[in-house]
Structure formats: structure tokens, C-alpha cells
Amino acid sequence: MKQSKIHFRGKKVILASTAIAICATVTFALDVGELNKRSEKGFKTQPVIENWEAPDINSVPNNLFGEHVKYGKELVEHTYKYIGPEVADKKMRYAGNNFACASCHQEAGTKKYSAPFMTTAISFPQYRNRDESIGSIEERVNGCMGRSMNGKELPENGKEMRAIVTYMHWLSQGIPVGAKVKGAEFPQVDRKMIMSRAADPKAGEKVYKTHCVACHGENGQGVKNEGKANGYMYPALWGNDSYNTGAGMYRTIRAADWIVANMPLGASNDHRTLTDAEAYDVAAYINDYDKKRPVKKGRESDFPDVKVKVPDSDVGPYLDKKSTTQHKYGPYQGIIIPAKK
């Protein structure tokens, strides 16, 4: 509900926005230096936590706070069961697809390099380039609801939002505000590669058939569990019951970054199955224009300041002179320009 992650976005994994770690200083390209400047909070020290471990859910107190933590974890793991499009109570149908937040934020938001939540609560309020605002954590959750979950916003003071935010807060215990936690950031495919060549959907199709089709199906339909409001065993990657065109996972770079460290199922950042090139190409294949999926309306209003617009958005306007197709697939030379060291 990463996402970023791709969120799938933009994100910190999935729920917090991060800059792509390539700096740019020229006028006619993504100015990540400017994005970093706007995102700066002025913290004097930023300790690094190398070996974060998820707290034990059995350690939550037996009180109202603990109830919210447990319900928040349930919502992340089994979103479709409580607020999905097939739940019996129509008023609770907030998600527009049968995903779980954990479809992207694996292991209930605790898997490192999978858009985890351990620093999400302490990262807000934060600058949001997609809205050109200082966003709240509730707004970020609802960003995922409207994009990755293809649904509608949760009431900010409602039980479900309070539970999700409380769960994220509980995961951040012991982490100082401003700290960096190894594994909280998005992994990255080779930036030199994405600068030098476009992602190739045809090559990505071969990757998909080798590594992805067994779980996600020949037509990207996934494997749905039997019964109503029971979600997927393996989620749909395109089609009507998938993420929409506004999701971070729809963007080529963002999707490739997440895929390389998390797919196929069982892969991790330390034990990758796919190469950077394979992740880049299969991201393009999954999100190719011949794959139908829900359309997010109003995307032309995303990233109102084009100086800090993500490079892999396929909706203009842009400051550079590159085509929509090049923003979609790359190469990103001239769209992302590395700063001088």
C-alpha cells in the first residue's frame, strides 16, 4: 500500500515519500537536489540503526492501544476482509480491489526493503512532492487507498485509520525521530543501466514467463482465494482488480526497485533471484500499455512543480524535452542527470 514503492512510490517504501538517490542540478531535468532540499527537516544528528527487529505482536498491552495495534496489523495483512470491495457491509467498502496492504508491504510491513513501516510514523509530517505540501501520515495512507488499492479515502478519525496509524507507531518503538534504519529505504536497480537503455517489455515477457507466471498467471490475473472478501493467494498484476495508473507500482523505476528485492516470492534484498536488468524489463512488461488496468483520474495534477516531478511519470508536463514514452520506459539520460561529485 508500498508502496513506494512504488507505495510504489513515491515513497519511502511504501508509505513515505523518498527521493531517487541520484542528484540533479540542471534546469531541464528532475532536480533531486532541490527535492532533497525541500525534504530536509534540519535534524542535527541522524543515527543509523543497522539491525532492526520487528517487535513481538504478543507484547502489546491488553488495553485499547493494544486492540488498535492488533486491528491495524489485521487490516494490513487482510485488508480485503475488512474494507475490501466484497465485504458484506457496503459502507465499509473502501478498497477498490481485493489486495492486502501486505501485497506490497510484505510481512505486515516488517520485511526490510519491501516498503516497511518501521520509520513511517516518525517520518511524518513530511514534504510531499506529489502534492507540493507538508503531508500527514493519514494523507499518505489515503494516497495508497486511492491508488494502490484503487479505492476511496478512509475517514481520518475513523477506527480503521486510527488502527493502521497506531500499528505503524507501535512498529517504530525505540527508533529516534530522524534515525535511519537499514532496510527501511527502497533498494535500487542499477542507475547507470536505467540511464543508458530503455526498459524492454519484450525481454520482460520472457522474465515473466520464467519467474512470475506460475503465481500471477498467464494473463496477470493472479490466484484468488475462494469465497467473498477472501483476497488473493497471489495478487493480480493487471486487470480490473489490480492497482490503478496512479500507483507507485505503475511507474517503471519504482516497480523495478521493489521487484528486484522481493520477487519471485521468497526473494530478499540479500538473496535476490532476478538481476537488475530482469527487474527493469519485467516492470515495463507488467505495466505496458497493452495491459488494461483501472485509470486514476486527475494524474495531470500530480507533481504540480515539475522541478521535483518523478522521472518515470508518463503524464506531463515535463521540464525536459523528452517524450511521454521515454519517461515511461527510459532511458533516463537527460531526465535524471547525476550531480558532480
Protein backbone atom coordinates (compact mmCIF):
# COMPACT_ATOMS: atom_id res chain seq x y z
CA MET A 1 0.00 0.00 0.00
CA LYS A 2 4.19 0.45 -0.88
CA GLN A 3 4.08 1.27 -1.87
CA SER A 4 6.72 3.50 -2.93
CA LYS A 5 7.22 1.64 -3.65
CA ILE A 6 6.37 2.13 -5.55
CA HIS A 7 3.94 2.89 -2.13
CA PHE A 8 5.43 2.08 -5.19
CA ARG A 9 6.17 5.47 -4.55
CA GLY A 10 6.59 7.79 -4.31
CA LYS A 11 7.51 6.84 -1.03
CA LYS A 12 9.66 5.94 1.46
CA VAL A 13 8.61 2.25 0.83
CA ILE A 14 5.60 2.35 0.84
CA LEU A 15 4.27 4.75 2.85
CA ALA A 16 6.73 7.62 2.99
CA SER A 17 7.93 9.68 0.04
CA THR A 18 11.64 9.45 -0.81
CA ALA A 19 13.81 10.99 -3.48
CA ILE A 20 15.53 8.78 -6.02
CA ALA A 21 19.10 8.74 -4.83
CA ILE A 22 20.58 10.43 -7.85
CA CYS A 23 21.19 14.15 -7.65
CA ALA A 24 20.45 16.61 -10.41
CA THR A 25 21.30 20.27 -10.59
CA VAL A 26 20.31 21.35 -14.09
CA THR A 27 17.16 23.20 -15.06
CA PHE A 28 15.78 20.80 -17.65
CA ALA A 29 15.73 17.58 -15.66
CA LEU A 30 14.46 16.20 -12.39
CA ASP A 31 16.19 18.35 -9.79
CA VAL A 32 16.64 15.84 -6.99
CA GLY A 33 18.97 18.25 -5.24
CA GLU A 34 16.03 20.64 -4.99
CA LEU A 35 13.76 17.79 -3.88
CA ASN A 36 16.21 16.85 -1.13
CA LYS A 37 16.40 20.49 -0.07
CA ARG A 38 12.64 20.71 0.23
CA SER A 39 12.50 17.40 2.12
CA GLU A 40 15.17 18.46 4.62
CA LYS A 41 13.94 18.69 8.22
CA GLY A 42 17.04 20.22 9.74
CA PHE A 43 17.77 17.40 12.20
CA LYS A 44 21.30 17.75 13.50
CA THR A 45 22.02 14.07 14.04
CA GLN A 46 20.72 11.06 12.18
CA PRO A 47 21.77 7.84 13.89
CA VAL A 48 21.80 4.68 11.78
CA ILE A 49 20.19 1.51 13.13
CA GLU A 50 21.76 -1.50 11.43
CA ASN A 51 19.87 -4.45 12.89
CA TRP A 52 16.24 -3.54 13.42
CA GLU A 53 13.99 -6.37 14.59
CA ALA A 54 10.20 -6.25 14.46
CA PRO A 55 8.62 -6.21 17.93
CA ASP A 56 6.59 -9.21 19.05
CA ILE A 57 2.86 -8.66 18.49
CA ASN A 58 2.23 -10.67 21.65
CA SER A 59 3.94 -7.93 23.64
CA VAL A 60 1.20 -5.35 23.05
CA PRO A 61 -0.65 -4.32 26.20
CA ASN A 62 -4.11 -5.63 27.00
CA ASN A 63 -5.84 -2.27 26.59
CA LEU A 64 -7.39 -0.03 23.95
CA PHE A 65 -3.99 0.82 22.47
CA GLY A 66 -3.16 -2.85 22.12
CA GLU A 67 -6.51 -3.53 20.48
CA HIS A 68 -5.76 -0.86 17.89
CA VAL A 69 -2.29 -2.28 17.22
CA LYS A 70 -3.70 -5.75 16.64
CA TYR A 71 -6.53 -4.48 14.47
CA GLY A 72 -4.08 -2.36 12.49
CA LYS A 73 -1.93 -5.40 11.79
CA GLU A 74 -5.03 -7.34 10.76
CA LEU A 75 -6.03 -4.57 8.37
CA VAL A 76 -2.58 -4.57 6.78
CA GLU A 77 -2.50 -8.35 6.39
CA HIS A 78 -6.14 -8.93 5.43
CA THR A 79 -7.34 -5.59 4.07
CA TYR A 80 -9.87 -7.24 1.76
CA LYS A 81 -11.59 -8.91 4.73
CA TYR A 82 -12.48 -5.65 6.49
CA ILE A 83 -12.60 -2.84 3.93
CA GLY A 84 -12.43 -4.64 0.58
CA PRO A 85 -14.91 -4.38 -2.32
CA GLU A 86 -16.65 -7.65 -1.43
CA VAL A 87 -17.35 -7.13 2.28
CA ALA A 88 -21.00 -7.53 3.25
CA ASP A 89 -21.36 -4.02 4.70
CA LYS A 90 -21.33 -1.77 1.64
CA LYS A 91 -20.44 1.25 3.78
CA MET A 92 -17.12 -0.47 4.62
CA ARG A 93 -16.07 -0.97 1.01
CA TYR A 94 -13.18 1.47 0.92
CA ALA A 95 -10.65 -0.56 -1.08
CA GLY A 96 -11.49 -0.94 -4.74
CA ASN A 97 -9.55 -4.15 -5.27
CA ASN A 98 -9.02 -7.35 -3.30
CA PHE A 99 -5.40 -6.65 -2.43
CA ALA A 100 -3.98 -6.50 1.06
CA CYS A 101 -1.63 -3.72 2.11
CA ALA A 102 0.80 -6.60 2.70
CA SER A 103 0.71 -7.44 -1.02
CA CYS A 104 3.42 -4.80 -1.33
CA HIS A 105 4.34 -4.13 2.31
CA GLN A 106 5.28 -7.73 2.90
CA GLU A 107 5.19 -9.46 6.28
CA ALA A 108 2.70 -6.89 7.57
CA GLY A 109 5.07 -4.05 6.81
CA THR A 110 8.08 -5.54 8.61
CA LYS A 111 10.10 -7.06 5.75
CA LYS A 112 13.16 -4.95 5.05
CA TYR A 113 13.42 -3.38 1.59
CA SER A 114 9.74 -4.15 0.94
CA ALA A 115 8.36 -0.69 1.77
CA PRO A 116 8.33 -1.48 5.50
CA PHE A 117 6.66 0.65 8.15
CA MET A 118 9.23 0.85 10.94
CA THR A 119 10.08 4.51 10.26
CA THR A 120 6.81 5.59 8.69
CA ALA A 121 5.19 7.07 11.80
CA ILE A 122 8.29 9.06 12.75
CA SER A 123 8.76 10.37 9.20
CA PHE A 124 5.61 12.50 9.22
CA PRO A 125 4.76 15.31 8.79
CA GLN A 126 6.93 15.47 5.66
CA TYR A 127 7.25 17.31 2.37
CA ARG A 128 5.27 15.62 -0.40
CA ASN A 129 6.34 16.43 -3.95
CA ARG A 130 3.26 14.79 -5.45
CA ASP A 131 1.04 17.36 -3.71
CA GLU A 132 3.57 20.16 -3.07
CA SER A 133 2.53 20.14 0.58
CA ILE A 134 3.54 19.08 4.06
CA GLY A 135 1.59 15.86 4.29
CA SER A 136 0.31 13.89 7.24
CA ILE A 137 0.57 10.15 7.74
CA GLU A 138 -3.20 9.88 7.32
CA GLU A 139 -2.99 11.60 3.95
CA ARG A 140 -0.24 9.19 2.92
CA VAL A 141 -2.30 6.14 3.89
CA ASN A 142 -5.19 7.53 1.89
CA GLY A 143 -2.87 8.09 -1.04
CA CYS A 144 -2.36 4.34 -1.11
CA MET A 145 -6.09 3.76 -0.67
CA GLY A 146 -6.82 5.80 -3.76
CA ARG A 147 -4.01 4.42 -5.90
CA SER A 148 -2.54 1.03 -4.97
CA MET A 149 -5.90 -0.10 -3.55
CA ASN A 150 -7.87 1.70 -6.29
CA GLY A 151 -10.41 2.77 -3.70
CA LYS A 152 -11.54 5.77 -1.69
CA GLU A 153 -10.27 7.57 1.37
CA LEU A 154 -10.71 6.23 4.87
CA PRO A 155 -12.16 8.73 7.37
CA GLU A 156 -9.12 10.22 9.09
CA ASN A 157 -10.67 9.90 12.54
CA GLY A 158 -12.30 6.54 11.88
CA LYS A 159 -11.41 3.30 13.63
CA GLU A 160 -9.60 1.78 10.64
CA MET A 161 -7.32 4.75 10.05
CA ARG A 162 -6.58 5.05 13.77
CA ALA A 163 -5.72 1.34 13.89
CA ILE A 164 -3.35 1.45 10.88
CA VAL A 165 -1.55 4.52 12.18
CA THR A 166 -1.35 3.04 15.69
CA TYR A 167 0.18 -0.14 14.31
CA MET A 168 2.79 1.87 12.41
CA HIS A 169 3.51 3.89 15.54
CA TRP A 170 3.98 0.70 17.55
CA LEU A 171 6.43 -0.66 14.99
CA SER A 172 8.57 2.46 15.39
CA GLN A 173 9.18 1.93 19.11
CA GLY A 174 12.72 2.65 20.18
CA ILE A 175 13.65 4.42 16.93
CA PRO A 176 14.62 8.08 17.45
CA VAL A 177 12.97 10.70 15.26
CA GLY A 178 15.35 11.34 12.37
CA ALA A 179 17.09 7.98 12.63
CA LYS A 180 17.87 5.94 9.53
CA VAL A 181 17.07 2.23 9.70
CA LYS A 182 18.86 -0.14 7.36
CA GLY A 183 16.22 -1.78 5.19
CA ALA A 184 13.64 0.98 5.56
CA GLU A 185 14.78 2.54 2.31
CA PHE A 186 13.92 1.31 -1.17
CA PRO A 187 16.52 -0.86 -2.87
CA GLN A 188 17.66 0.32 -6.28
CA VAL A 189 18.32 -1.25 -9.62
CA ASP A 190 21.50 -0.10 -11.37
CA ARG A 191 21.13 3.63 -12.05
CA LYS A 192 23.76 3.56 -14.79
CA MET A 193 21.69 0.93 -16.57
CA ILE A 194 18.45 2.91 -16.50
CA MET A 195 20.29 5.95 -17.78
CA SER A 196 21.79 4.09 -20.72
CA ARG A 197 18.92 1.95 -22.01
CA ALA A 198 15.17 1.75 -22.10
CA ALA A 199 13.31 -1.00 -20.28
CA ASP A 200 12.28 -3.68 -22.76
CA PRO A 201 8.75 -5.13 -22.33
CA LYS A 202 9.51 -7.95 -24.78
CA ALA A 203 12.50 -9.06 -22.73
CA GLY A 204 10.33 -8.58 -19.66
CA GLU A 205 7.77 -11.00 -21.05
CA LYS A 206 10.42 -13.72 -21.08
CA VAL A 207 11.29 -12.91 -17.47
CA TYR A 208 7.62 -13.03 -16.56
CA LYS A 209 7.08 -16.42 -18.17
CA THR A 210 10.15 -17.82 -16.40
CA HIS A 211 9.73 -16.38 -12.92
CA CYS A 212 6.22 -14.92 -12.50
CA VAL A 213 3.60 -16.80 -14.47
CA ALA A 214 3.36 -19.73 -12.02
CA CYS A 215 1.93 -17.45 -9.34
CA HIS A 216 0.44 -14.47 -11.16
CA GLY A 217 -0.96 -16.30 -14.17
CA GLU A 218 -0.51 -16.02 -17.90
CA ASN A 219 -2.90 -13.06 -18.05
CA GLY A 220 -1.73 -11.42 -14.84
CA GLN A 221 -4.93 -12.45 -13.11
CA GLY A 222 -3.25 -13.89 -10.01
CA VAL A 223 -4.77 -16.65 -7.88
CA LYS A 224 -7.82 -15.55 -5.93
CA ASN A 225 -8.85 -17.36 -2.77
CA GLU A 226 -12.28 -18.97 -2.76
CA GLY A 227 -15.16 -17.14 -1.15
CA LYS A 228 -16.16 -13.49 -0.86
CA ALA A 229 -13.86 -10.94 0.75
CA ASN A 230 -11.07 -13.51 0.95
CA GLY A 231 -8.40 -11.84 -1.14
CA TYR A 232 -5.66 -13.36 -3.22
CA MET A 233 -3.09 -16.04 -2.69
CA TYR A 234 -1.10 -14.24 -5.41
CA PRO A 235 -2.44 -10.80 -6.43
CA ALA A 236 -3.47 -9.73 -9.91
CA LEU A 237 -0.80 -7.62 -11.62
CA TRP A 238 -3.14 -6.06 -14.15
CA GLY A 239 -6.83 -6.14 -14.99
CA ASN A 240 -9.81 -4.61 -13.21
CA ASP A 241 -8.87 -5.98 -9.77
CA SER A 242 -5.38 -4.53 -9.61
CA TYR A 243 -3.67 -1.23 -8.76
CA ASN A 244 -4.51 1.77 -10.92
CA THR A 245 -2.37 4.02 -13.11
CA GLY A 246 -1.74 6.42 -10.23
CA ALA A 247 0.00 3.82 -8.05
CA GLY A 248 3.73 3.93 -7.45
CA MET A 249 3.96 0.35 -8.71
CA TYR A 250 2.76 1.56 -12.11
CA ARG A 251 5.99 3.53 -12.53
CA THR A 252 8.84 1.62 -14.17
CA ILE A 253 11.71 2.63 -11.89
CA ARG A 254 9.68 2.37 -8.71
CA ALA A 255 8.33 -1.06 -9.66
CA ALA A 256 11.78 -2.34 -10.69
CA ASP A 257 13.29 -1.20 -7.39
CA TRP A 258 10.69 -3.13 -5.41
CA ILE A 259 10.66 -6.20 -7.65
CA VAL A 260 14.42 -6.77 -7.60
CA ALA A 261 14.48 -7.28 -3.82
CA ASN A 262 11.14 -9.04 -3.34
CA MET A 263 10.23 -11.18 -6.33
CA PRO A 264 9.70 -14.01 -7.01
CA LEU A 265 8.15 -14.86 -3.66
CA GLY A 266 10.88 -15.77 -1.18
CA ALA A 267 13.47 -13.39 -2.62
CA SER A 268 15.01 -10.72 -0.44
CA ASN A 269 17.50 -7.91 -0.88
CA ASP A 270 20.26 -10.18 0.44
CA HIS A 271 19.16 -13.15 -1.67
CA ARG A 272 17.96 -11.82 -4.99
CA THR A 273 16.66 -14.06 -7.76
CA LEU A 274 16.35 -11.51 -10.57
CA THR A 275 19.11 -9.37 -11.99
CA ASP A 276 18.67 -5.60 -12.13
CA ALA A 277 18.08 -5.85 -15.88
CA GLU A 278 15.41 -8.52 -15.45
CA ALA A 279 13.58 -6.50 -12.81
CA TYR A 280 13.70 -3.38 -15.01
CA ASP A 281 12.34 -5.22 -18.04
CA VAL A 282 9.63 -7.16 -16.24
CA ALA A 283 8.43 -3.94 -14.57
CA ALA A 284 7.95 -2.50 -18.06
CA TYR A 285 6.14 -5.64 -19.21
CA ILE A 286 3.72 -5.71 -16.27
CA ASN A 287 2.90 -2.03 -16.72
CA ASP A 288 2.97 -1.94 -20.52
CA TYR A 289 0.17 -0.05 -22.23
CA ASP A 290 -1.34 -3.25 -23.63
CA LYS A 291 -2.20 -4.35 -20.07
CA LYS A 292 -5.55 -2.93 -19.05
CA ARG A 293 -5.95 -1.66 -15.51
CA PRO A 294 -8.05 0.94 -13.67
CA VAL A 295 -7.27 4.53 -14.66
CA LYS A 296 -6.58 7.11 -11.98
CA LYS A 297 -8.29 10.36 -12.91
CA GLY A 298 -6.55 13.70 -12.50
CA ARG A 299 -2.96 12.48 -12.74
CA GLU A 300 -2.02 15.63 -14.66
CA SER A 301 -2.36 17.42 -11.32
CA ASP A 302 0.24 15.17 -9.64
CA PHE A 303 3.63 16.83 -9.02
CA PRO A 304 2.47 20.41 -9.69
CA ASP A 305 6.05 21.70 -9.51
CA VAL A 306 7.74 19.93 -12.41
CA LYS A 307 11.20 20.66 -11.00
CA VAL A 308 10.61 17.88 -8.48
CA LYS A 309 8.45 15.58 -10.57
CA VAL A 310 9.40 11.89 -10.54
CA PRO A 311 11.22 10.93 -13.75
CA ASP A 312 9.12 7.85 -14.55
CA SER A 313 5.73 9.55 -14.61
CA ASP A 314 4.13 9.04 -18.01
CA VAL A 315 1.87 12.08 -17.65
CA GLY A 316 3.26 15.53 -18.45
CA PRO A 317 4.00 18.33 -18.28
CA TYR A 318 7.78 17.97 -18.06
CA LEU A 319 10.60 20.48 -17.91
CA ASP A 320 12.80 18.36 -20.15
CA LYS A 321 12.12 17.79 -23.83
CA LYS A 322 11.70 14.03 -23.61
CA SER A 323 8.61 12.18 -24.76
CA THR A 324 5.98 10.56 -22.59
CA THR A 325 7.25 7.20 -23.88
CA GLN A 326 10.78 7.91 -22.70
CA HIS A 327 9.52 8.93 -19.27
CA LYS A 328 7.58 5.66 -19.16
CA TYR A 329 10.35 3.27 -20.27
CA GLY A 330 13.60 5.22 -20.30
CA PRO A 331 16.42 5.61 -20.98
CA TYR A 332 16.54 8.31 -18.34
CA GLN A 333 19.61 10.10 -19.62
CA GLY A 334 18.57 13.72 -19.87
CA ILE A 335 15.66 13.11 -17.50
CA ILE A 336 17.85 12.29 -14.48
CA ILE A 337 21.26 13.97 -14.53
CA PRO A 338 23.78 12.97 -11.83
CA ALA A 339 25.34 15.77 -9.82
CA LYS A 340 29.05 16.32 -9.92
CA LYS A 341 30.87 14.64 -7.07
